[in-house]
Amino acid sequence: RFTISRDNAKNTVYLQMDSLKPEDTA
């Protein structure tokens, strides 16, 4: 459901969260 990725040129890491569930609340 979740995918992590990074763009070193932008000094950025991403977390794509799909099919979210109430249990993901945090």
mmCIF file of all heavy atoms, coordinates in Angstrom:
data_MODEL
# 
_entry.id   MODEL 
# 
loop_
_atom_site.group_PDB 
_atom_site.id 
_atom_site.type_symbol 
_atom_site.label_atom_id 
_atom_site.label_alt_id 
_atom_site.label_comp_id 
_atom_site.label_asym_id 
_atom_site.label_entity_id 
_atom_site.label_seq_id 
_atom_site.pdbx_PDB_ins_code 
_atom_site.Cartn_x 
_atom_site.Cartn_y 
_atom_site.Cartn_z 
_atom_site.occupancy 
_atom_site.B_iso_or_equiv 
_atom_site.pdbx_formal_charge 
_atom_site.auth_seq_id 
_atom_site.auth_comp_id 
_atom_site.auth_asym_id 
_atom_site.auth_atom_id 
_atom_site.pdbx_PDB_model_num 
ATOM 1   N N   . ARG A 1 1  ? 0.812   -1.215 0.000  1.00 0.00 ? 1  ARG A N   1 
ATOM 2   C CA  . ARG A 1 1  ? 0.000   0.000  0.000  1.00 0.00 ? 1  ARG A CA  1 
ATOM 3   C C   . ARG A 1 1  ? 0.845   1.264  0.000  1.00 0.00 ? 1  ARG A C   1 
ATOM 4   O O   . ARG A 1 1  ? 0.472   2.265  -0.601 1.00 0.00 ? 1  ARG A O   1 
ATOM 5   C CB  . ARG A 1 1  ? -0.927  0.029  1.211  1.00 0.00 ? 1  ARG A CB  1 
ATOM 6   C CG  . ARG A 1 1  ? -1.905  -1.137 1.257  1.00 0.00 ? 1  ARG A CG  1 
ATOM 7   C CD  . ARG A 1 1  ? -2.938  -0.958 2.372  1.00 0.00 ? 1  ARG A CD  1 
ATOM 8   N NE  . ARG A 1 1  ? -2.318  -0.910 3.689  1.00 0.00 ? 1  ARG A NE  1 
ATOM 9   C CZ  . ARG A 1 1  ? -2.367  0.146  4.505  1.00 0.00 ? 1  ARG A CZ  1 
ATOM 10  N NH1 . ARG A 1 1  ? -3.027  1.243  4.133  1.00 0.00 ? 1  ARG A NH1 1 
ATOM 11  N NH2 . ARG A 1 1  ? -1.778  0.099  5.690  1.00 0.00 ? 1  ARG A NH2 1 
ATOM 12  N N   . PHE A 1 2  ? 1.983   1.223  0.687  1.00 0.00 ? 2  PHE A N   1 
ATOM 13  C CA  . PHE A 1 2  ? 2.858   2.387  0.792  1.00 0.00 ? 2  PHE A CA  1 
ATOM 14  C C   . PHE A 1 2  ? 4.105   2.172  -0.052 1.00 0.00 ? 2  PHE A C   1 
ATOM 15  O O   . PHE A 1 2  ? 4.595   1.049  -0.190 1.00 0.00 ? 2  PHE A O   1 
ATOM 16  C CB  . PHE A 1 2  ? 3.295   2.619  2.242  1.00 0.00 ? 2  PHE A CB  1 
ATOM 17  C CG  . PHE A 1 2  ? 2.211   3.086  3.175  1.00 0.00 ? 2  PHE A CG  1 
ATOM 18  C CD1 . PHE A 1 2  ? 0.874   3.101  2.797  1.00 0.00 ? 2  PHE A CD1 1 
ATOM 19  C CD2 . PHE A 1 2  ? 2.547   3.517  4.451  1.00 0.00 ? 2  PHE A CD2 1 
ATOM 20  C CE1 . PHE A 1 2  ? -0.114  3.534  3.668  1.00 0.00 ? 2  PHE A CE1 1 
ATOM 21  C CE2 . PHE A 1 2  ? 1.570   3.954  5.324  1.00 0.00 ? 2  PHE A CE2 1 
ATOM 22  C CZ  . PHE A 1 2  ? 0.242   3.962  4.942  1.00 0.00 ? 2  PHE A CZ  1 
ATOM 23  N N   . THR A 1 3  ? 4.637   3.250  -0.580 1.00 0.00 ? 3  THR A N   1 
ATOM 24  C CA  . THR A 1 3  ? 5.858   3.195  -1.368 1.00 0.00 ? 3  THR A CA  1 
ATOM 25  C C   . THR A 1 3  ? 6.788   4.327  -0.963 1.00 0.00 ? 3  THR A C   1 
ATOM 26  O O   . THR A 1 3  ? 6.388   5.490  -0.965 1.00 0.00 ? 3  THR A O   1 
ATOM 27  C CB  . THR A 1 3  ? 5.566   3.307  -2.872 1.00 0.00 ? 3  THR A CB  1 
ATOM 28  O OG1 . THR A 1 3  ? 4.646   2.285  -3.268 1.00 0.00 ? 3  THR A OG1 1 
ATOM 29  C CG2 . THR A 1 3  ? 6.859   3.152  -3.676 1.00 0.00 ? 3  THR A CG2 1 
ATOM 30  N N   . ILE A 1 4  ? 8.012   3.982  -0.622 1.00 0.00 ? 4  ILE A N   1 
ATOM 31  C CA  . ILE A 1 4  ? 9.010   4.987  -0.303 1.00 0.00 ? 4  ILE A CA  1 
ATOM 32  C C   . ILE A 1 4  ? 9.907   5.204  -1.518 1.00 0.00 ? 4  ILE A C   1 
ATOM 33  O O   . ILE A 1 4  ? 10.211  4.265  -2.255 1.00 0.00 ? 4  ILE A O   1 
ATOM 34  C CB  . ILE A 1 4  ? 9.846   4.579  0.931  1.00 0.00 ? 4  ILE A CB  1 
ATOM 35  C CG1 . ILE A 1 4  ? 10.728  5.742  1.394  1.00 0.00 ? 4  ILE A CG1 1 
ATOM 36  C CG2 . ILE A 1 4  ? 10.671  3.326  0.662  1.00 0.00 ? 4  ILE A CG2 1 
ATOM 37  C CD1 . ILE A 1 4  ? 11.418  5.490  2.734  1.00 0.00 ? 4  ILE A CD1 1 
ATOM 38  N N   . SER A 1 5  ? 10.302  6.437  -1.725 1.00 0.00 ? 5  SER A N   1 
ATOM 39  C CA  . SER A 1 5  ? 11.223  6.759  -2.799 1.00 0.00 ? 5  SER A CA  1 
ATOM 40  C C   . SER A 1 5  ? 12.062  7.958  -2.382 1.00 0.00 ? 5  SER A C   1 
ATOM 41  O O   . SER A 1 5  ? 11.749  8.631  -1.399 1.00 0.00 ? 5  SER A O   1 
ATOM 42  C CB  . SER A 1 5  ? 10.472  7.048  -4.106 1.00 0.00 ? 5  SER A CB  1 
ATOM 43  O OG  . SER A 1 5  ? 9.611   8.163  -3.970 1.00 0.00 ? 5  SER A OG  1 
ATOM 44  N N   . ARG A 1 6  ? 13.124  8.204  -3.120 1.00 0.00 ? 6  ARG A N   1 
ATOM 45  C CA  . ARG A 1 6  ? 13.955  9.354  -2.798 1.00 0.00 ? 6  ARG A CA  1 
ATOM 46  C C   . ARG A 1 6  ? 14.474  9.991  -4.065 1.00 0.00 ? 6  ARG A C   1 
ATOM 47  O O   . ARG A 1 6  ? 14.642  9.338  -5.102 1.00 0.00 ? 6  ARG A O   1 
ATOM 48  C CB  . ARG A 1 6  ? 15.118  8.961  -1.877 1.00 0.00 ? 6  ARG A CB  1 
ATOM 49  C CG  . ARG A 1 6  ? 16.158  8.048  -2.511 1.00 0.00 ? 6  ARG A CG  1 
ATOM 50  C CD  . ARG A 1 6  ? 17.139  7.524  -1.458 1.00 0.00 ? 6  ARG A CD  1 
ATOM 51  N NE  . ARG A 1 6  ? 17.935  8.591  -0.871 1.00 0.00 ? 6  ARG A NE  1 
ATOM 52  C CZ  . ARG A 1 6  ? 18.572  8.498  0.303  1.00 0.00 ? 6  ARG A CZ  1 
ATOM 53  N NH1 . ARG A 1 6  ? 18.481  7.370  1.014  1.00 0.00 ? 6  ARG A NH1 1 
ATOM 54  N NH2 . ARG A 1 6  ? 19.287  9.521  0.758  1.00 0.00 ? 6  ARG A NH2 1 
ATOM 55  N N   . ASP A 1 7  ? 14.724  11.276 -3.976 1.00 0.00 ? 7  ASP A N   1 
ATOM 56  C CA  . ASP A 1 7  ? 15.322  12.041 -5.051 1.00 0.00 ? 7  ASP A CA  1 
ATOM 57  C C   . ASP A 1 7  ? 16.526  12.741 -4.447 1.00 0.00 ? 7  ASP A C   1 
ATOM 58  O O   . ASP A 1 7  ? 16.393  13.770 -3.785 1.00 0.00 ? 7  ASP A O   1 
ATOM 59  C CB  . ASP A 1 7  ? 14.329  13.042 -5.629 1.00 0.00 ? 7  ASP A CB  1 
ATOM 60  C CG  . ASP A 1 7  ? 14.854  13.755 -6.855 1.00 0.00 ? 7  ASP A CG  1 
ATOM 61  O OD1 . ASP A 1 7  ? 16.083  13.801 -7.055 1.00 0.00 ? 7  ASP A OD1 1 
ATOM 62  O OD2 . ASP A 1 7  ? 14.028  14.282 -7.632 1.00 0.00 ? 7  ASP A OD2 1 
ATOM 63  N N   . ASN A 1 8  ? 17.694  12.168 -4.664 1.00 0.00 ? 8  ASN A N   1 
ATOM 64  C CA  . ASN A 1 8  ? 18.896  12.708 -4.037 1.00 0.00 ? 8  ASN A CA  1 
ATOM 65  C C   . ASN A 1 8  ? 19.245  14.100 -4.546 1.00 0.00 ? 8  ASN A C   1 
ATOM 66  O O   . ASN A 1 8  ? 19.858  14.889 -3.829 1.00 0.00 ? 8  ASN A O   1 
ATOM 67  C CB  . ASN A 1 8  ? 20.068  11.754 -4.246 1.00 0.00 ? 8  ASN A CB  1 
ATOM 68  C CG  . ASN A 1 8  ? 19.977  10.527 -3.361 1.00 0.00 ? 8  ASN A CG  1 
ATOM 69  O OD1 . ASN A 1 8  ? 19.087  10.420 -2.518 1.00 0.00 ? 8  ASN A OD1 1 
ATOM 70  N ND2 . ASN A 1 8  ? 20.892  9.592  -3.551 1.00 0.00 ? 8  ASN A ND2 1 
ATOM 71  N N   . ALA A 1 9  ? 18.869  14.406 -5.777 1.00 0.00 ? 9  ALA A N   1 
ATOM 72  C CA  . ALA A 1 9  ? 19.121  15.734 -6.320 1.00 0.00 ? 9  ALA A CA  1 
ATOM 73  C C   . ALA A 1 9  ? 18.313  16.800 -5.598 1.00 0.00 ? 9  ALA A C   1 
ATOM 74  O O   . ALA A 1 9  ? 18.703  17.968 -5.571 1.00 0.00 ? 9  ALA A O   1 
ATOM 75  C CB  . ALA A 1 9  ? 18.817  15.766 -7.808 1.00 0.00 ? 9  ALA A CB  1 
ATOM 76  N N   . LYS A 1 10 ? 17.182  16.400 -5.014 1.00 0.00 ? 10 LYS A N   1 
ATOM 77  C CA  . LYS A 1 10 ? 16.321  17.333 -4.296 1.00 0.00 ? 10 LYS A CA  1 
ATOM 78  C C   . LYS A 1 10 ? 16.412  17.179 -2.787 1.00 0.00 ? 10 LYS A C   1 
ATOM 79  O O   . LYS A 1 10 ? 15.685  17.852 -2.057 1.00 0.00 ? 10 LYS A O   1 
ATOM 80  C CB  . LYS A 1 10 ? 14.865  17.152 -4.731 1.00 0.00 ? 10 LYS A CB  1 
ATOM 81  C CG  . LYS A 1 10 ? 14.609  17.474 -6.189 1.00 0.00 ? 10 LYS A CG  1 
ATOM 82  C CD  . LYS A 1 10 ? 13.136  17.285 -6.535 1.00 0.00 ? 10 LYS A CD  1 
ATOM 83  C CE  . LYS A 1 10 ? 12.866  17.650 -7.982 1.00 0.00 ? 10 LYS A CE  1 
ATOM 84  N NZ  . LYS A 1 10 ? 11.437  17.451 -8.339 1.00 0.00 ? 10 LYS A NZ  1 
ATOM 85  N N   . ASN A 1 11 ? 17.277  16.295 -2.324 1.00 0.00 ? 11 ASN A N   1 
ATOM 86  C CA  . ASN A 1 11 ? 17.401  16.019 -0.889 1.00 0.00 ? 11 ASN A CA  1 
ATOM 87  C C   . ASN A 1 11 ? 16.048  15.691 -0.265 1.00 0.00 ? 11 ASN A C   1 
ATOM 88  O O   . ASN A 1 11 ? 15.728  16.132 0.844  1.00 0.00 ? 11 ASN A O   1 
ATOM 89  C CB  . ASN A 1 11 ? 18.036  17.206 -0.158 1.00 0.00 ? 11 ASN A CB  1 
ATOM 90  C CG  . ASN A 1 11 ? 19.529  17.308 -0.380 1.00 0.00 ? 11 ASN A CG  1 
ATOM 91  O OD1 . ASN A 1 11 ? 20.095  16.646 -1.241 1.00 0.00 ? 11 ASN A OD1 1 
ATOM 92  N ND2 . ASN A 1 11 ? 20.179  18.153 0.393  1.00 0.00 ? 11 ASN A ND2 1 
ATOM 93  N N   . THR A 1 12 ? 15.278  14.903 -0.969 1.00 0.00 ? 12 THR A N   1 
ATOM 94  C CA  . THR A 1 12 ? 13.904  14.649 -0.556 1.00 0.00 ? 12 THR A CA  1 
ATOM 95  C C   . THR A 1 12 ? 13.580  13.163 -0.582 1.00 0.00 ? 12 THR A C   1 
ATOM 96  O O   . THR A 1 12 ? 13.974  12.450 -1.511 1.00 0.00 ? 12 THR A O   1 
ATOM 97  C CB  . THR A 1 12 ? 12.917  15.396 -1.464 1.00 0.00 ? 12 THR A CB  1 
ATOM 98  O OG1 . THR A 1 12 ? 13.201  16.803 -1.415 1.00 0.00 ? 12 THR A OG1 1 
ATOM 99  C CG2 . THR A 1 12 ? 11.481  15.172 -1.014 1.00 0.00 ? 12 THR A CG2 1 
ATOM 100 N N   . VAL A 1 13 ? 12.875  12.727 0.433  1.00 0.00 ? 13 VAL A N   1 
ATOM 101 C CA  . VAL A 1 13 ? 12.328  11.384 0.471  1.00 0.00 ? 13 VAL A CA  1 
ATOM 102 C C   . VAL A 1 13 ? 10.812  11.500 0.511  1.00 0.00 ? 13 VAL A C   1 
ATOM 103 O O   . VAL A 1 13 ? 10.266  12.425 1.117  1.00 0.00 ? 13 VAL A O   1 
ATOM 104 C CB  . VAL A 1 13 ? 12.871  10.579 1.675  1.00 0.00 ? 13 VAL A CB  1 
ATOM 105 C CG1 . VAL A 1 13 ? 12.459  11.214 3.000  1.00 0.00 ? 13 VAL A CG1 1 
ATOM 106 C CG2 . VAL A 1 13 ? 12.420  9.123  1.602  1.00 0.00 ? 13 VAL A CG2 1 
ATOM 107 N N   . TYR A 1 14 ? 10.144  10.560 -0.144 1.00 0.00 ? 14 TYR A N   1 
ATOM 108 C CA  . TYR A 1 14 ? 8.698   10.589 -0.262 1.00 0.00 ? 14 TYR A CA  1 
ATOM 109 C C   . TYR A 1 14 ? 8.085   9.328  0.329  1.00 0.00 ? 14 TYR A C   1 
ATOM 110 O O   . TYR A 1 14 ? 8.707   8.267  0.360  1.00 0.00 ? 14 TYR A O   1 
ATOM 111 C CB  . TYR A 1 14 ? 8.267   10.681 -1.724 1.00 0.00 ? 14 TYR A CB  1 
ATOM 112 C CG  . TYR A 1 14 ? 8.846   11.855 -2.469 1.00 0.00 ? 14 TYR A CG  1 
ATOM 113 C CD1 . TYR A 1 14 ? 10.005  11.716 -3.226 1.00 0.00 ? 14 TYR A CD1 1 
ATOM 114 C CD2 . TYR A 1 14 ? 8.237   13.101 -2.424 1.00 0.00 ? 14 TYR A CD2 1 
ATOM 115 C CE1 . TYR A 1 14 ? 10.541  12.785 -3.916 1.00 0.00 ? 14 TYR A CE1 1 
ATOM 116 C CE2 . TYR A 1 14 ? 8.767   14.177 -3.109 1.00 0.00 ? 14 TYR A CE2 1 
ATOM 117 C CZ  . TYR A 1 14 ? 9.918   14.019 -3.852 1.00 0.00 ? 14 TYR A CZ  1 
ATOM 118 O OH  . TYR A 1 14 ? 10.442  15.090 -4.537 1.00 0.00 ? 14 TYR A OH  1 
ATOM 119 N N   . LEU A 1 15 ? 6.861   9.466  0.768  1.00 0.00 ? 15 LEU A N   1 
ATOM 120 C CA  . LEU A 1 15 ? 6.069   8.310  1.166  1.00 0.00 ? 15 LEU A CA  1 
ATOM 121 C C   . LEU A 1 15 ? 4.719   8.409  0.474  1.00 0.00 ? 15 LEU A C   1 
ATOM 122 O O   . LEU A 1 15 ? 3.894   9.251  0.835  1.00 0.00 ? 15 LEU A O   1 
ATOM 123 C CB  . LEU A 1 15 ? 5.885   8.245  2.683  1.00 0.00 ? 15 LEU A CB  1 
ATOM 124 C CG  . LEU A 1 15 ? 5.064   7.057  3.187  1.00 0.00 ? 15 LEU A CG  1 
ATOM 125 C CD1 . LEU A 1 15 ? 5.750   5.736  2.836  1.00 0.00 ? 15 LEU A CD1 1 
ATOM 126 C CD2 . LEU A 1 15 ? 4.837   7.145  4.691  1.00 0.00 ? 15 LEU A CD2 1 
ATOM 127 N N   . GLN A 1 16 ? 4.528   7.572  -0.519 1.00 0.00 ? 16 GLN A N   1 
ATOM 128 C CA  . GLN A 1 16 ? 3.245   7.487  -1.203 1.00 0.00 ? 16 GLN A CA  1 
ATOM 129 C C   . GLN A 1 16 ? 2.376   6.491  -0.460 1.00 0.00 ? 16 GLN A C   1 
ATOM 130 O O   . GLN A 1 16 ? 2.747   5.321  -0.321 1.00 0.00 ? 16 GLN A O   1 
ATOM 131 C CB  . GLN A 1 16 ? 3.435   7.042  -2.653 1.00 0.00 ? 16 GLN A CB  1 
ATOM 132 C CG  . GLN A 1 16 ? 2.139   6.875  -3.435 1.00 0.00 ? 16 GLN A CG  1 
ATOM 133 C CD  . GLN A 1 16 ? 1.430   8.190  -3.666 1.00 0.00 ? 16 GLN A CD  1 
ATOM 134 O OE1 . GLN A 1 16 ? 2.054   9.185  -3.991 1.00 0.00 ? 16 GLN A OE1 1 
ATOM 135 N NE2 . GLN A 1 16 ? 0.114   8.194  -3.490 1.00 0.00 ? 16 GLN A NE2 1 
ATOM 136 N N   . MET A 1 17 ? 1.245   6.943  0.017  1.00 0.00 ? 17 MET A N   1 
ATOM 137 C CA  . MET A 1 17 ? 0.348   6.120  0.805  1.00 0.00 ? 17 MET A CA  1 
ATOM 138 C C   . MET A 1 17 ? -0.958  5.943  0.037  1.00 0.00 ? 17 MET A C   1 
ATOM 139 O O   . MET A 1 17 ? -1.688  6.906  -0.180 1.00 0.00 ? 17 MET A O   1 
ATOM 140 C CB  . MET A 1 17 ? 0.079   6.747  2.172  1.00 0.00 ? 17 MET A CB  1 
ATOM 141 C CG  . MET A 1 17 ? 1.346   7.025  2.968  1.00 0.00 ? 17 MET A CG  1 
ATOM 142 S SD  . MET A 1 17 ? 1.010   7.641  4.635  1.00 0.00 ? 17 MET A SD  1 
ATOM 143 C CE  . MET A 1 17 ? 0.279   9.227  4.234  1.00 0.00 ? 17 MET A CE  1 
ATOM 144 N N   . ASP A 1 18 ? -1.220  4.724  -0.362 1.00 0.00 ? 18 ASP A N   1 
ATOM 145 C CA  . ASP A 1 18 ? -2.436  4.385  -1.089 1.00 0.00 ? 18 ASP A CA  1 
ATOM 146 C C   . ASP A 1 18 ? -3.291  3.445  -0.253 1.00 0.00 ? 18 ASP A C   1 
ATOM 147 O O   . ASP A 1 18 ? -2.815  2.820  0.687  1.00 0.00 ? 18 ASP A O   1 
ATOM 148 C CB  . ASP A 1 18 ? -2.103  3.716  -2.424 1.00 0.00 ? 18 ASP A CB  1 
ATOM 149 C CG  . ASP A 1 18 ? -1.322  4.598  -3.364 1.00 0.00 ? 18 ASP A CG  1 
ATOM 150 O OD1 . ASP A 1 18 ? -1.608  5.816  -3.423 1.00 0.00 ? 18 ASP A OD1 1 
ATOM 151 O OD2 . ASP A 1 18 ? -0.420  4.076  -4.059 1.00 0.00 ? 18 ASP A OD2 1 
ATOM 152 N N   . SER A 1 19 ? -4.550  3.341  -0.628 1.00 0.00 ? 19 SER A N   1 
ATOM 153 C CA  . SER A 1 19 ? -5.484  2.457  0.075  1.00 0.00 ? 19 SER A CA  1 
ATOM 154 C C   . SER A 1 19 ? -5.428  2.676  1.576  1.00 0.00 ? 19 SER A C   1 
ATOM 155 O O   . SER A 1 19 ? -5.332  1.731  2.369  1.00 0.00 ? 19 SER A O   1 
ATOM 156 C CB  . SER A 1 19 ? -5.184  0.992  -0.267 1.00 0.00 ? 19 SER A CB  1 
ATOM 157 O OG  . SER A 1 19 ? -5.282  0.763  -1.657 1.00 0.00 ? 19 SER A OG  1 
ATOM 158 N N   . LEU A 1 20 ? -5.506  3.919  1.972  1.00 0.00 ? 20 LEU A N   1 
ATOM 159 C CA  . LEU A 1 20 ? -5.374  4.263  3.377  1.00 0.00 ? 20 LEU A CA  1 
ATOM 160 C C   . LEU A 1 20 ? -6.488  3.651  4.213  1.00 0.00 ? 20 LEU A C   1 
ATOM 161 O O   . LEU A 1 20 ? -7.635  3.544  3.772  1.00 0.00 ? 20 LEU A O   1 
ATOM 162 C CB  . LEU A 1 20 ? -5.367  5.772  3.550  1.00 0.00 ? 20 LEU A CB  1 
ATOM 163 C CG  . LEU A 1 20 ? -4.048  6.455  3.188  1.00 0.00 ? 20 LEU A CG  1 
ATOM 164 C CD1 . LEU A 1 20 ? -4.256  7.946  3.001  1.00 0.00 ? 20 LEU A CD1 1 
ATOM 165 C CD2 . LEU A 1 20 ? -3.003  6.192  4.278  1.00 0.00 ? 20 LEU A CD2 1 
ATOM 166 N N   . LYS A 1 21 ? -6.110  3.275  5.416  1.00 0.00 ? 21 LYS A N   1 
ATOM 167 C CA  . LYS A 1 21 ? -7.027  2.690  6.381  1.00 0.00 ? 21 LYS A CA  1 
ATOM 168 C C   . LYS A 1 21 ? -7.065  3.556  7.627  1.00 0.00 ? 21 LYS A C   1 
ATOM 169 O O   . LYS A 1 21 ? -6.094  4.252  7.927  1.00 0.00 ? 21 LYS A O   1 
ATOM 170 C CB  . LYS A 1 21 ? -6.569  1.279  6.764  1.00 0.00 ? 21 LYS A CB  1 
ATOM 171 C CG  . LYS A 1 21 ? -6.430  0.313  5.613  1.00 0.00 ? 21 LYS A CG  1 
ATOM 172 C CD  . LYS A 1 21 ? -5.876  -1.016 6.103  1.00 0.00 ? 21 LYS A CD  1 
ATOM 173 C CE  . LYS A 1 21 ? -5.732  -2.002 4.973  1.00 0.00 ? 21 LYS A CE  1 
ATOM 174 N NZ  . LYS A 1 21 ? -5.185  -3.300 5.454  1.00 0.00 ? 21 LYS A NZ  1 
ATOM 175 N N   . PRO A 1 22 ? -8.155  3.510  8.377  1.00 0.00 ? 22 PRO A N   1 
ATOM 176 C CA  . PRO A 1 22 ? -8.186  4.255  9.640  1.00 0.00 ? 22 PRO A CA  1 
ATOM 177 C C   . PRO A 1 22 ? -7.021  3.901  10.564 1.00 0.00 ? 22 PRO A C   1 
ATOM 178 O O   . PRO A 1 22 ? -6.555  4.772  11.309 1.00 0.00 ? 22 PRO A O   1 
ATOM 179 C CB  . PRO A 1 22 ? -9.526  3.839  10.254 1.00 0.00 ? 22 PRO A CB  1 
ATOM 180 C CG  . PRO A 1 22 ? -10.385 3.534  9.074  1.00 0.00 ? 22 PRO A CG  1 
ATOM 181 C CD  . PRO A 1 22 ? -9.459  2.894  8.076  1.00 0.00 ? 22 PRO A CD  1 
ATOM 182 N N   . GLU A 1 23 ? -6.553  2.675  10.507 1.00 0.00 ? 23 GLU A N   1 
ATOM 183 C CA  . GLU A 1 23 ? -5.427  2.247  11.325 1.00 0.00 ? 23 GLU A CA  1 
ATOM 184 C C   . GLU A 1 23 ? -4.123  2.950  10.963 1.00 0.00 ? 23 GLU A C   1 
ATOM 185 O O   . GLU A 1 23 ? -3.150  2.870  11.714 1.00 0.00 ? 23 GLU A O   1 
ATOM 186 C CB  . GLU A 1 23 ? -5.221  0.730  11.212 1.00 0.00 ? 23 GLU A CB  1 
ATOM 187 C CG  . GLU A 1 23 ? -6.461  -0.089 11.499 1.00 0.00 ? 23 GLU A CG  1 
ATOM 188 C CD  . GLU A 1 23 ? -7.231  -0.425 10.234 1.00 0.00 ? 23 GLU A CD  1 
ATOM 189 O OE1 . GLU A 1 23 ? -8.056  0.418  9.807  1.00 0.00 ? 23 GLU A OE1 1 
ATOM 190 O OE2 . GLU A 1 23 ? -7.017  -1.520 9.672  1.00 0.00 ? 23 GLU A OE2 1 
ATOM 191 N N   . ASP A 1 24 ? -4.091  3.618  9.820  1.00 0.00 ? 24 ASP A N   1 
ATOM 192 C CA  . ASP A 1 24 ? -2.907  4.369  9.420  1.00 0.00 ? 24 ASP A CA  1 
ATOM 193 C C   . ASP A 1 24 ? -2.830  5.734  10.089 1.00 0.00 ? 24 ASP A C   1 
ATOM 194 O O   . ASP A 1 24 ? -1.826  6.433  9.941  1.00 0.00 ? 24 ASP A O   1 
ATOM 195 C CB  . ASP A 1 24 ? -2.877  4.560  7.905  1.00 0.00 ? 24 ASP A CB  1 
ATOM 196 C CG  . ASP A 1 24 ? -2.756  3.254  7.152  1.00 0.00 ? 24 ASP A CG  1 
ATOM 197 O OD1 . ASP A 1 24 ? -1.989  2.375  7.591  1.00 0.00 ? 24 ASP A OD1 1 
ATOM 198 O OD2 . ASP A 1 24 ? -3.434  3.111  6.106  1.00 0.00 ? 24 ASP A OD2 1 
ATOM 199 N N   . THR A 1 25 ? -3.879  6.120  10.789 1.00 0.00 ? 25 THR A N   1 
ATOM 200 C CA  . THR A 1 25 ? -3.895  7.410  11.463 1.00 0.00 ? 25 THR A CA  1 
ATOM 201 C C   . THR A 1 25 ? -2.776  7.488  12.490 1.00 0.00 ? 25 THR A C   1 
ATOM 202 O O   . THR A 1 25 ? -2.673  6.648  13.379 1.00 0.00 ? 25 THR A O   1 
ATOM 203 C CB  . THR A 1 25 ? -5.245  7.640  12.148 1.00 0.00 ? 25 THR A CB  1 
ATOM 204 O OG1 . THR A 1 25 ? -6.274  7.714  11.158 1.00 0.00 ? 25 THR A OG1 1 
ATOM 205 C CG2 . THR A 1 25 ? -5.238  8.937  12.946 1.00 0.00 ? 25 THR A CG2 1 
ATOM 206 N N   . ALA A 1 26 ? -1.932  8.490  12.350 1.00 0.00 ? 26 ALA A N   1 
ATOM 207 C CA  . ALA A 1 26 ? -0.774  8.641  13.225 1.00 0.00 ? 26 ALA A CA  1 
ATOM 208 C C   . ALA A 1 26 ? -0.037  9.915  12.849 1.00 0.00 ? 26 ALA A C   1 
ATOM 209 O O   . ALA A 1 26 ? -0.312  10.529 11.811 1.00 0.00 ? 26 ALA A O   1 
ATOM 210 C CB  . ALA A 1 26 ? 0.175   7.444  13.085 1.00 0.00 ? 26 ALA A CB  1 
# 
